Amino acid sequence: MNAPFQDQSAPDHGDKRPLDLLIAAPRGFCAGVDRAIEIVEKSLEKYGAPVYVRHEIVHNKYVVEGLKAKGAIFVKELDEVPTDAPVVFSAHGVPKSVPAEAERRAMIYVDATCPLVSKVHRQAERLLEKGRHIIFIGHEGHPEVVGTMGQVAEGEMTLVETVEDVAELPFGPDDRLAYLTQTTLSVDDTAEVIAALTARFPDIRGPKAEDICYATSNRQAAVKELAEECDLVLVVGAPNSSNSLRLVEVAERLGTPGRLIQRAEEIAPDWLEGVDTVGLTAGASAPEVLVREVVDALARLRKVRERTVTTAEENMVFKLPRQLR
């Protein structure tokens, strides 16, 4: 479903070479990110500033700075939060030990964990109840991985990132195994790892529905369509945003150069040399205002004709936690 081109160029371009700009839809904020940001804003309304947030609420500097300006204070660990101050846990999820410590200290806390991440946490608990050791597919050190692995006792979950990691697993054919995945992985890469797991352990159990979230899958599918038509794909997102990094990888896997940018000012004019068509998308934690900033920057460099390429419709909405409704 493609919209017609719209001319976005500045009036003083003269005879500059035209540039077709294809903008992915869906892009940018997902329901989990919308909910997490609203949780911080509603907490500020209810409790007053400051409200503390453990880790970045979502991986986007622009969003974090905006919330800081409203009175949010971001910290790395719970022990940096005064006992009498409210604290919000990030959308990526936290180990069980974090809310347990907050309760021990009688703190006011609000959990902004994305419901789709919470679903993976519940799956892990159920699999352990059935006596299965969990192989978790994810990126070591990512906050979501730390949070998910922190739902179970040490040694009950094993992390793998690649097909090569699967070959090194110390399990045999009689071990009762299951797998779960981080929600923001590459759909294609994850499929390869799952194939390797099922080939080596035919009795391994997987989730009833894939754990990679709808927003991650939709944004990757949109980039695949853009990459087929474009000479360059720009992804608005943070360098520590897993889903944004995956979008760049998706474009490059199809042979189209991809560049991750946080703000329009990072665009170098020489990137556009020899380029007739640019694709533009945004990771799930990047706001639309930054997408429009990029459009405006490109329109200052070239005669831009903008067109939206729609590959899916999204209408997912998640409820706020009970204490904020």
Protein backbone atom coordinates (compact mmCIF):
# COMPACT_ATOMS: atom_id res chain seq x y z
CA MET A 1 0.00 0.00 0.00
CA ASN A 2 2.05 2.93 -1.27
CA ALA A 3 1.14 6.60 -1.00
CA PRO A 4 1.85 8.98 -3.90
CA PHE A 5 5.05 11.03 -3.92
CA GLN A 6 4.97 14.44 -2.22
CA ASP A 7 7.48 17.17 -3.03
CA GLN A 8 9.32 18.19 0.17
CA SER A 9 12.22 20.13 -1.35
CA ALA A 10 13.19 23.65 -0.40
CA PRO A 11 12.36 26.31 -3.03
CA ASP A 12 16.00 27.33 -3.62
CA HIS A 13 17.32 24.05 -4.98
CA GLY A 14 17.66 25.18 -8.57
CA ASP A 15 18.78 22.25 -10.70
CA LYS A 16 19.95 19.97 -7.88
CA ARG A 17 19.49 16.27 -8.54
CA PRO A 18 16.13 14.91 -7.32
CA LEU A 19 15.99 12.34 -4.51
CA ASP A 20 13.15 9.88 -3.99
CA LEU A 21 12.56 9.24 -0.28
CA LEU A 22 10.64 6.10 0.68
CA ILE A 23 9.46 6.17 4.31
CA ALA A 24 8.58 2.88 5.99
CA ALA A 25 5.26 2.31 7.72
CA PRO A 26 5.16 1.04 10.37
CA ARG A 27 8.16 2.74 11.97
CA GLY A 28 9.13 4.31 15.26
CA PHE A 29 7.33 3.94 18.57
CA CYS A 30 5.70 0.61 19.39
CA ALA A 31 2.96 0.05 21.98
CA GLY A 32 5.46 -1.00 24.65
CA VAL A 33 7.51 2.18 24.22
CA ASP A 34 4.40 4.39 24.17
CA ARG A 35 3.29 2.74 27.41
CA ALA A 36 6.69 3.07 29.11
CA ILE A 37 6.98 6.79 28.35
CA GLU A 38 3.40 7.38 29.50
CA ILE A 39 4.17 5.52 32.73
CA VAL A 40 6.99 7.96 33.54
CA GLU A 41 4.83 10.97 32.64
CA LYS A 42 1.84 9.70 34.67
CA SER A 43 4.14 8.92 37.60
CA LEU A 44 5.41 12.50 37.52
CA GLU A 45 1.80 13.74 37.54
CA LYS A 46 0.80 11.46 40.42
CA TYR A 47 3.84 11.62 42.67
CA GLY A 48 5.47 14.87 41.58
CA ALA A 49 9.10 15.38 40.62
CA PRO A 50 11.51 13.82 40.97
CA VAL A 51 10.60 10.35 39.79
CA TYR A 52 13.56 8.00 39.48
CA VAL A 53 13.94 5.61 36.55
CA ARG A 54 16.21 2.57 36.76
CA HIS A 55 18.15 2.49 33.47
CA GLU A 56 17.00 4.27 30.32
CA ILE A 57 13.24 3.88 30.10
CA VAL A 58 13.78 3.17 26.38
CA HIS A 59 16.95 3.35 24.31
CA ASN A 60 16.67 6.86 22.90
CA LYS A 61 18.62 9.89 24.09
CA TYR A 62 16.03 12.39 22.80
CA VAL A 63 13.26 10.67 24.77
CA VAL A 64 15.39 10.36 27.91
CA GLU A 65 16.42 14.03 27.80
CA GLY A 66 12.78 15.07 27.34
CA LEU A 67 11.75 13.12 30.44
CA LYS A 68 14.68 14.54 32.41
CA ALA A 69 13.40 18.02 31.60
CA LYS A 70 10.06 17.05 33.15
CA GLY A 71 11.66 15.85 36.38
CA ALA A 72 12.75 12.24 35.79
CA ILE A 73 16.12 11.17 37.22
CA PHE A 74 17.80 8.19 35.55
CA VAL A 75 20.00 5.88 37.62
CA LYS A 76 21.83 2.64 37.02
CA GLU A 77 20.89 0.77 40.18
CA LEU A 78 18.19 0.79 42.82
CA ASP A 79 20.56 1.75 45.63
CA GLU A 80 20.89 5.19 44.01
CA VAL A 81 17.19 5.87 44.68
CA PRO A 82 16.07 7.40 48.01
CA THR A 83 13.73 5.04 49.86
CA ASP A 84 10.93 7.62 49.95
CA ALA A 85 11.06 8.40 46.21
CA PRO A 86 9.05 6.61 43.48
CA VAL A 87 11.02 4.56 40.93
CA VAL A 88 10.07 3.22 37.50
CA PHE A 89 11.63 0.08 36.01
CA SER A 90 12.51 0.28 32.30
CA ALA A 91 10.58 -1.26 29.41
CA HIS A 92 13.30 -3.88 28.94
CA GLY A 93 12.40 -5.67 32.17
CA VAL A 94 14.39 -6.35 35.34
CA PRO A 95 15.58 -9.42 37.25
CA LYS A 96 13.23 -10.62 40.01
CA SER A 97 15.74 -9.42 42.57
CA VAL A 98 15.04 -5.75 41.71
CA PRO A 99 11.33 -5.54 42.67
CA ALA A 100 12.09 -7.85 45.60
CA GLU A 101 14.65 -5.35 46.88
CA ALA A 102 12.21 -2.45 46.28
CA GLU A 103 9.59 -4.25 48.37
CA ARG A 104 12.13 -4.99 51.11
CA ARG A 105 12.86 -1.27 51.28
CA ALA A 106 9.11 -0.44 51.19
CA MET A 107 9.61 1.70 48.08
CA ILE A 108 6.96 2.96 45.69
CA TYR A 109 7.78 1.37 42.33
CA VAL A 110 6.08 1.12 38.95
CA ASP A 111 7.06 -1.62 36.51
CA ALA A 112 7.15 -0.38 32.89
CA THR A 113 8.31 -3.73 31.48
CA CYS A 114 6.79 -4.25 28.03
CA PRO A 115 3.94 -6.78 28.33
CA LEU A 116 5.50 -8.81 25.51
CA VAL A 117 8.72 -9.11 27.53
CA SER A 118 6.68 -10.02 30.62
CA LYS A 119 5.09 -12.79 28.54
CA VAL A 120 8.55 -14.29 27.96
CA HIS A 121 9.21 -14.10 31.71
CA ARG A 122 6.03 -16.08 32.44
CA GLN A 123 6.93 -18.63 29.76
CA ALA A 124 10.29 -19.18 31.45
CA GLU A 125 8.62 -19.88 34.77
CA ARG A 126 6.20 -22.38 33.22
CA LEU A 127 8.96 -24.23 31.39
CA LEU A 128 10.96 -24.59 34.59
CA GLU A 129 7.88 -25.95 36.37
CA LYS A 130 7.80 -28.64 33.67
CA GLY A 131 11.40 -29.55 34.39
CA ARG A 132 12.99 -28.09 31.27
CA HIS A 133 16.31 -26.27 31.04
CA ILE A 134 15.93 -23.10 28.96
CA ILE A 135 18.17 -22.11 26.07
CA PHE A 136 17.73 -18.36 25.69
CA ILE A 137 18.57 -16.77 22.33
CA GLY A 138 19.71 -13.20 22.83
CA HIS A 139 22.55 -10.68 22.99
CA GLU A 140 24.73 -10.96 26.08
CA GLY A 141 24.54 -7.89 28.31
CA HIS A 142 21.41 -6.40 26.74
CA PRO A 143 19.04 -5.20 29.51
CA GLU A 144 16.21 -7.42 28.27
CA VAL A 145 18.48 -10.47 28.41
CA VAL A 146 19.69 -9.56 31.91
CA GLY A 147 16.09 -9.14 33.03
CA THR A 148 14.84 -12.38 31.50
CA MET A 149 17.72 -14.49 32.78
CA GLY A 150 17.13 -12.91 36.18
CA GLN A 151 13.68 -14.49 36.34
CA VAL A 152 15.21 -17.87 37.14
CA ALA A 153 17.91 -19.21 39.43
CA GLU A 154 21.48 -19.18 38.15
CA GLY A 155 22.20 -22.24 36.02
CA GLU A 156 18.58 -22.79 34.91
CA MET A 157 18.96 -20.81 31.67
CA THR A 158 21.79 -20.87 29.10
CA LEU A 159 22.39 -17.99 26.70
CA VAL A 160 23.25 -18.50 23.01
CA GLU A 161 23.72 -15.85 20.35
CA THR A 162 24.76 -17.76 17.23
CA VAL A 163 24.55 -21.07 15.41
CA GLU A 164 28.15 -21.67 16.51
CA ASP A 165 27.07 -21.32 20.16
CA VAL A 166 24.49 -24.06 19.64
CA ALA A 167 27.23 -26.48 18.57
CA GLU A 168 29.05 -25.83 21.86
CA LEU A 169 26.11 -26.53 24.18
CA PRO A 170 26.94 -29.21 26.77
CA PHE A 171 23.61 -31.05 26.58
CA GLY A 172 22.72 -34.50 25.33
CA PRO A 173 19.73 -36.03 23.50
CA ASP A 174 18.04 -37.06 26.75
CA ASP A 175 18.11 -33.62 28.37
CA ARG A 176 14.76 -31.90 28.70
CA LEU A 177 15.26 -28.57 26.90
CA ALA A 178 13.24 -25.58 25.74
CA TYR A 179 14.11 -22.31 24.04
CA LEU A 180 12.93 -18.72 24.31
CA THR A 181 14.17 -15.58 22.55
CA GLN A 182 14.80 -11.91 23.15
CA THR A 183 11.96 -9.89 21.62
CA THR A 184 14.11 -7.55 19.47
CA LEU A 185 16.25 -9.98 17.47
CA SER A 186 16.73 -10.38 13.74
CA VAL A 187 13.90 -12.59 12.50
CA ASP A 188 16.17 -14.30 9.95
CA ASP A 189 19.16 -14.80 12.27
CA THR A 190 16.93 -16.17 15.02
CA ALA A 191 15.32 -18.63 12.61
CA GLU A 192 18.80 -19.98 11.81
CA VAL A 193 19.63 -20.46 15.49
CA ILE A 194 16.29 -22.15 16.16
CA ALA A 195 16.88 -24.46 13.19
CA ALA A 196 20.26 -25.40 14.63
CA LEU A 197 18.72 -26.09 18.04
CA THR A 198 15.93 -28.28 16.65
CA ALA A 199 18.38 -30.15 14.44
CA ARG A 200 20.67 -30.96 17.36
CA PHE A 201 17.91 -31.46 19.96
CA PRO A 202 14.81 -32.80 18.16
CA ASP A 203 12.77 -32.91 21.39
CA ILE A 204 13.42 -29.29 22.36
CA ARG A 205 10.27 -27.26 23.06
CA GLY A 206 9.66 -23.76 21.74
CA PRO A 207 7.04 -21.12 22.57
CA LYS A 208 3.57 -21.52 21.08
CA ALA A 209 4.05 -18.23 19.25
CA GLU A 210 7.38 -16.63 18.45
CA ASP A 211 8.82 -14.33 21.11
CA ILE A 212 10.13 -11.73 18.65
CA CYS A 213 7.59 -8.96 19.07
CA TYR A 214 5.16 -7.78 16.40
CA ALA A 215 6.86 -4.36 16.15
CA THR A 216 10.31 -5.83 15.57
CA SER A 217 8.97 -8.22 12.91
CA ASN A 218 6.91 -5.52 11.18
CA ARG A 219 9.76 -3.02 11.04
CA GLN A 220 12.16 -5.60 9.63
CA ALA A 221 9.63 -6.64 6.99
CA ALA A 222 9.18 -2.99 5.99
CA VAL A 223 12.95 -2.50 5.63
CA LYS A 224 13.15 -5.58 3.40
CA GLU A 225 10.67 -3.95 1.03
CA LEU A 226 12.47 -0.59 1.14
CA ALA A 227 15.88 -2.16 0.54
CA GLU A 228 14.68 -3.71 -2.71
CA GLU A 229 13.99 -0.23 -4.13
CA CYS A 230 16.65 1.94 -2.46
CA ASP A 231 20.31 2.81 -2.85
CA LEU A 232 20.65 3.64 0.86
CA VAL A 233 18.57 2.99 3.99
CA LEU A 234 18.70 5.39 6.94
CA VAL A 235 17.57 4.07 10.34
CA VAL A 236 16.80 6.55 13.09
CA GLY A 237 17.74 4.95 16.39
CA ALA A 238 20.28 4.65 19.16
CA PRO A 239 23.50 2.60 18.95
CA ASN A 240 22.41 0.63 22.05
CA SER A 241 18.97 -0.11 20.58
CA SER A 242 18.87 -3.76 19.55
CA ASN A 243 15.85 -3.43 17.25
CA SER A 244 17.39 -0.40 15.48
CA LEU A 245 20.70 -2.18 14.88
CA ARG A 246 18.80 -5.14 13.43
CA LEU A 247 17.10 -2.84 10.89
CA VAL A 248 20.48 -1.76 9.54
CA GLU A 249 21.54 -5.41 9.32
CA VAL A 250 18.36 -6.34 7.44
CA ALA A 251 19.08 -3.73 4.75
CA GLU A 252 22.72 -4.71 4.42
CA ARG A 253 21.89 -8.40 4.18
CA LEU A 254 19.92 -7.53 1.05
CA GLY A 255 22.90 -5.65 -0.38
CA THR A 256 21.69 -2.13 0.38
CA PRO A 257 23.95 0.09 2.49
CA GLY A 258 22.36 0.98 5.82
CA ARG A 259 23.31 3.73 8.28
CA LEU A 260 22.16 4.18 11.86
CA ILE A 261 21.70 7.81 12.92
CA GLN A 262 20.45 9.34 16.13
CA ARG A 263 19.78 12.82 14.73
CA ALA A 264 19.61 14.44 11.28
CA GLU A 265 22.82 16.36 11.94
CA GLU A 266 24.77 13.09 11.58
CA ILE A 267 23.91 12.82 7.86
CA ALA A 268 26.96 13.51 5.72
CA PRO A 269 26.18 15.01 2.27
CA ASP A 270 28.60 12.59 0.60
CA TRP A 271 26.36 9.69 1.65
CA LEU A 272 24.01 10.85 -1.10
CA GLU A 273 26.57 10.85 -3.89
CA GLY A 274 25.30 8.60 -6.67
CA VAL A 275 22.13 7.91 -4.70
CA ASP A 276 18.72 8.33 -6.36
CA THR A 277 16.45 6.65 -3.77
CA VAL A 278 16.77 6.66 0.03
CA GLY A 279 14.73 4.52 2.41
CA LEU A 280 13.96 5.90 5.87
CA THR A 281 12.71 4.12 8.98
CA ALA A 282 13.00 4.37 12.74
CA GLY A 283 13.57 1.89 15.53
CA ALA A 284 10.79 1.17 18.01
CA SER A 285 12.13 3.67 20.57
CA ALA A 286 12.64 6.60 18.14
CA PRO A 287 9.94 9.33 18.06
CA GLU A 288 8.38 10.58 14.84
CA VAL A 289 9.75 14.09 15.38
CA LEU A 290 13.24 12.73 14.64
CA VAL A 291 12.01 11.13 11.40
CA ARG A 292 10.61 14.46 10.23
CA GLU A 293 13.89 16.12 11.22
CA VAL A 294 15.69 13.78 8.81
CA VAL A 295 13.18 14.49 6.03
CA ASP A 296 13.77 18.22 6.46
CA ALA A 297 17.56 17.77 6.44
CA LEU A 298 17.45 15.74 3.21
CA ALA A 299 15.15 18.34 1.64
CA ARG A 300 17.80 20.98 2.28
CA LEU A 301 20.37 18.89 0.40
CA ARG A 302 18.32 17.64 -2.56
CA LYS A 303 14.99 17.98 -4.33
CA VAL A 304 13.10 15.43 -2.25
CA ARG A 305 10.00 13.55 -3.36
CA GLU A 306 8.57 11.70 -0.34
CA ARG A 307 6.44 8.54 -0.46
CA THR A 308 5.19 6.30 2.34
CA VAL A 309 5.54 2.54 1.86
CA THR A 310 3.05 0.72 4.09
CA THR A 311 3.59 -2.99 4.74
CA ALA A 312 1.44 -3.48 7.87
CA GLU A 313 -1.10 -1.68 10.05
CA GLU A 314 -0.51 -1.53 13.81
CA ASN A 315 -3.21 -0.83 16.40
CA MET A 316 -1.77 -2.51 19.50
CA VAL A 317 -2.33 -0.69 22.81
CA PHE A 318 -1.19 -1.83 26.25
CA LYS A 319 -2.91 -0.86 29.50
CA LEU A 320 -1.10 1.18 32.11
CA PRO A 321 -0.26 -0.46 35.46
CA ARG A 322 -3.18 -0.44 37.86
CA GLN A 323 -1.73 2.22 40.20
CA LEU A 324 -1.61 4.76 37.34
CA ARG A 325 -5.01 4.20 35.75
